[in-house]
Amino acid sequence: MTFLKYFFSIVGGALAASILGGVFACVVALISPEFVATLFSRDAAAAGGSLVRYAAAVGMIWGIFLGTAVMAFSILLVTVIHAVRIIRKKSDAQQPD
């Protein structure tokens, strides 16, 4: 059951980061479309597509990558701390007073 909790935490964090990345990229594209056109790709602006939609898509992709990495690292730290507590508890129980 713990595995599923951690898995859904990673998925939820990645999706939240994806949404946040997409919103942030949309805001940047609305404020400075020239910046987004030169930052991501010149072809997106030349193709006649919506630059804001393109920025949202790229922002969501980067958000999901970064969100997954951050959540996985956070869960790794929680797991290591939990393992250290178990090892410390076992070593304290084995030592005579």
C-alpha atoms as a PDB file:
ATOM      1  CA  MET A   1       0.000   0.000   0.000  1.00  0.00           C
ATOM      2  CA  THR A   2       2.915   2.333   0.693  1.00  0.00           C
ATOM      3  CA  PHE A   3       4.187   1.828  -2.839  1.00  0.00           C
ATOM      4  CA  LEU A   4       0.876   2.981  -4.292  1.00  0.00           C
ATOM      5  CA  LYS A   5       0.846   6.022  -2.013  1.00  0.00           C
ATOM      6  CA  TYR A   6       4.308   7.031  -3.191  1.00  0.00           C
ATOM      7  CA  PHE A   7       3.460   6.305  -6.816  1.00  0.00           C
ATOM      8  CA  PHE A   8       0.331   8.450  -6.722  1.00  0.00           C
ATOM      9  CA  SER A   9       2.299  11.183  -4.945  1.00  0.00           C
ATOM     10  CA  ILE A  10       4.800  11.240  -7.810  1.00  0.00           C
ATOM     11  CA  VAL A  11       2.053  11.243 -10.437  1.00  0.00           C
ATOM     12  CA  GLY A  12       0.083  13.971  -8.645  1.00  0.00           C
ATOM     13  CA  GLY A  13       3.168  16.130  -8.174  1.00  0.00           C
ATOM     14  CA  ALA A  14       4.153  15.698 -11.815  1.00  0.00           C
ATOM     15  CA  LEU A  15       0.688  16.652 -13.060  1.00  0.00           C
ATOM     16  CA  ALA A  16       0.551  19.670 -10.757  1.00  0.00           C
ATOM     17  CA  ALA A  17       3.977  20.784 -11.969  1.00  0.00           C
ATOM     18  CA  SER A  18       2.853  20.257 -15.561  1.00  0.00           C
ATOM     19  CA  ILE A  19      -0.174  22.495 -15.087  1.00  0.00           C
ATOM     20  CA  LEU A  20       1.922  25.105 -13.302  1.00  0.00           C
ATOM     21  CA  GLY A  21       4.550  24.989 -16.074  1.00  0.00           C
ATOM     22  CA  GLY A  22       1.910  25.396 -18.753  1.00  0.00           C
ATOM     23  CA  VAL A  23       0.295  28.359 -17.010  1.00  0.00           C
ATOM     24  CA  PHE A  24       3.665  30.006 -16.440  1.00  0.00           C
ATOM     25  CA  ALA A  25       4.649  29.544 -20.090  1.00  0.00           C
ATOM     26  CA  CYS A  26       1.295  31.028 -21.209  1.00  0.00           C
ATOM     27  CA  VAL A  27       1.846  34.080 -19.047  1.00  0.00           C
ATOM     28  CA  VAL A  28       5.358  34.528 -20.405  1.00  0.00           C
ATOM     29  CA  ALA A  29       4.061  34.125 -23.982  1.00  0.00           C
ATOM     30  CA  LEU A  30       1.388  36.759 -23.396  1.00  0.00           C
ATOM     31  CA  ILE A  31       3.849  39.213 -21.866  1.00  0.00           C
ATOM     32  CA  SER A  32       6.701  38.670 -24.295  1.00  0.00           C
ATOM     33  CA  PRO A  33       5.867  36.674 -27.429  1.00  0.00           C
ATOM     34  CA  GLU A  34       9.225  37.549 -28.996  1.00  0.00           C
ATOM     35  CA  PHE A  35      11.033  35.924 -26.084  1.00  0.00           C
ATOM     36  CA  VAL A  36       9.031  32.717 -26.424  1.00  0.00           C
ATOM     37  CA  ALA A  37       9.482  32.634 -30.199  1.00  0.00           C
ATOM     38  CA  THR A  38      13.242  32.845 -29.891  1.00  0.00           C
ATOM     39  CA  LEU A  39      13.510  30.667 -26.794  1.00  0.00           C
ATOM     40  CA  PHE A  40      11.621  27.588 -27.939  1.00  0.00           C
ATOM     41  CA  SER A  41      11.709  27.541 -31.716  1.00  0.00           C
ATOM     42  CA  ARG A  42      11.565  29.909 -34.634  1.00  0.00           C
ATOM     43  CA  ASP A  43       9.388  27.439 -36.557  1.00  0.00           C
ATOM     44  CA  ALA A  44       6.491  27.784 -34.093  1.00  0.00           C
ATOM     45  CA  ALA A  45       6.123  31.484 -34.814  1.00  0.00           C
ATOM     46  CA  ALA A  46       6.642  31.027 -38.551  1.00  0.00           C
ATOM     47  CA  ALA A  47       4.098  28.209 -38.845  1.00  0.00           C
ATOM     48  CA  GLY A  48       1.260  30.588 -38.048  1.00  0.00           C
ATOM     49  CA  GLY A  49       0.107  28.617 -35.012  1.00  0.00           C
ATOM     50  CA  SER A  50      -0.763  30.176 -31.707  1.00  0.00           C
ATOM     51  CA  LEU A  51       2.404  31.004 -29.859  1.00  0.00           C
ATOM     52  CA  VAL A  52       0.599  30.896 -26.502  1.00  0.00           C
ATOM     53  CA  ARG A  53      -0.667  27.363 -27.143  1.00  0.00           C
ATOM     54  CA  TYR A  54       2.800  26.271 -28.221  1.00  0.00           C
ATOM     55  CA  ALA A  55       4.317  27.798 -25.084  1.00  0.00           C
ATOM     56  CA  ALA A  56       1.690  26.055 -22.939  1.00  0.00           C
ATOM     57  CA  ALA A  57       2.534  22.697 -24.498  1.00  0.00           C
ATOM     58  CA  VAL A  58       6.273  23.129 -24.035  1.00  0.00           C
ATOM     59  CA  GLY A  59       5.771  24.447 -20.498  1.00  0.00           C
ATOM     60  CA  MET A  60       3.627  21.450 -19.611  1.00  0.00           C
ATOM     61  CA  ILE A  61       6.213  19.032 -20.970  1.00  0.00           C
ATOM     62  CA  TRP A  62       9.025  20.652 -19.010  1.00  0.00           C
ATOM     63  CA  GLY A  63       6.790  20.872 -15.962  1.00  0.00           C
ATOM     64  CA  ILE A  64       6.031  17.172 -16.008  1.00  0.00           C
ATOM     65  CA  PHE A  65       9.723  16.302 -16.321  1.00  0.00           C
ATOM     66  CA  LEU A  66      10.767  18.601 -13.510  1.00  0.00           C
ATOM     67  CA  GLY A  67       7.792  17.693 -11.334  1.00  0.00           C
ATOM     68  CA  THR A  68       8.522  13.981 -11.631  1.00  0.00           C
ATOM     69  CA  ALA A  69      12.175  14.492 -10.769  1.00  0.00           C
ATOM     70  CA  VAL A  70      11.420  16.678  -7.754  1.00  0.00           C
ATOM     71  CA  MET A  71       8.744  14.359  -6.375  1.00  0.00           C
ATOM     72  CA  ALA A  72      10.938  11.273  -6.887  1.00  0.00           C
ATOM     73  CA  PHE A  73      13.834  12.969  -5.095  1.00  0.00           C
ATOM     74  CA  SER A  74      11.556  14.042  -2.242  1.00  0.00           C
ATOM     75  CA  ILE A  75      10.231  10.520  -1.809  1.00  0.00           C
ATOM     76  CA  LEU A  76      13.778   9.168  -1.930  1.00  0.00           C
ATOM     77  CA  LEU A  77      14.711  11.484   0.942  1.00  0.00           C
ATOM     78  CA  VAL A  78      11.669  10.405   2.967  1.00  0.00           C
ATOM     79  CA  THR A  79      12.550   6.752   2.362  1.00  0.00           C
ATOM     80  CA  VAL A  80      16.169   7.248   3.420  1.00  0.00           C
ATOM     81  CA  ILE A  81      15.118   9.078   6.600  1.00  0.00           C
ATOM     82  CA  HIS A  82      12.637   6.315   7.405  1.00  0.00           C
ATOM     83  CA  ALA A  83      15.294   3.632   6.839  1.00  0.00           C
ATOM     84  CA  VAL A  84      17.773   5.484   9.066  1.00  0.00           C
ATOM     85  CA  ARG A  85      15.181   5.667  11.852  1.00  0.00           C
ATOM     86  CA  ILE A  86      14.549   1.916  11.613  1.00  0.00           C
ATOM     87  CA  ILE A  87      18.265   1.121  11.687  1.00  0.00           C
ATOM     88  CA  ARG A  88      18.817   3.486  14.613  1.00  0.00           C
ATOM     89  CA  LYS A  89      15.907   1.955  16.514  1.00  0.00           C
ATOM     90  CA  LYS A  90      17.296  -1.555  15.978  1.00  0.00           C
ATOM     91  CA  SER A  91      20.780  -0.553  17.088  1.00  0.00           C
ATOM     92  CA  ASP A  92      19.413   1.161  20.210  1.00  0.00           C
ATOM     93  CA  ALA A  93      17.412  -1.961  21.105  1.00  0.00           C
ATOM     94  CA  GLN A  94      20.485  -4.197  20.750  1.00  0.00           C
ATOM     95  CA  GLN A  95      22.770  -2.102  22.950  1.00  0.00           C
ATOM     96  CA  PRO A  96      22.624  -3.058  26.647  1.00  0.00           C
ATOM     97  CA  ASP A  97      22.261  -0.232  29.162  1.00  0.00           C
END
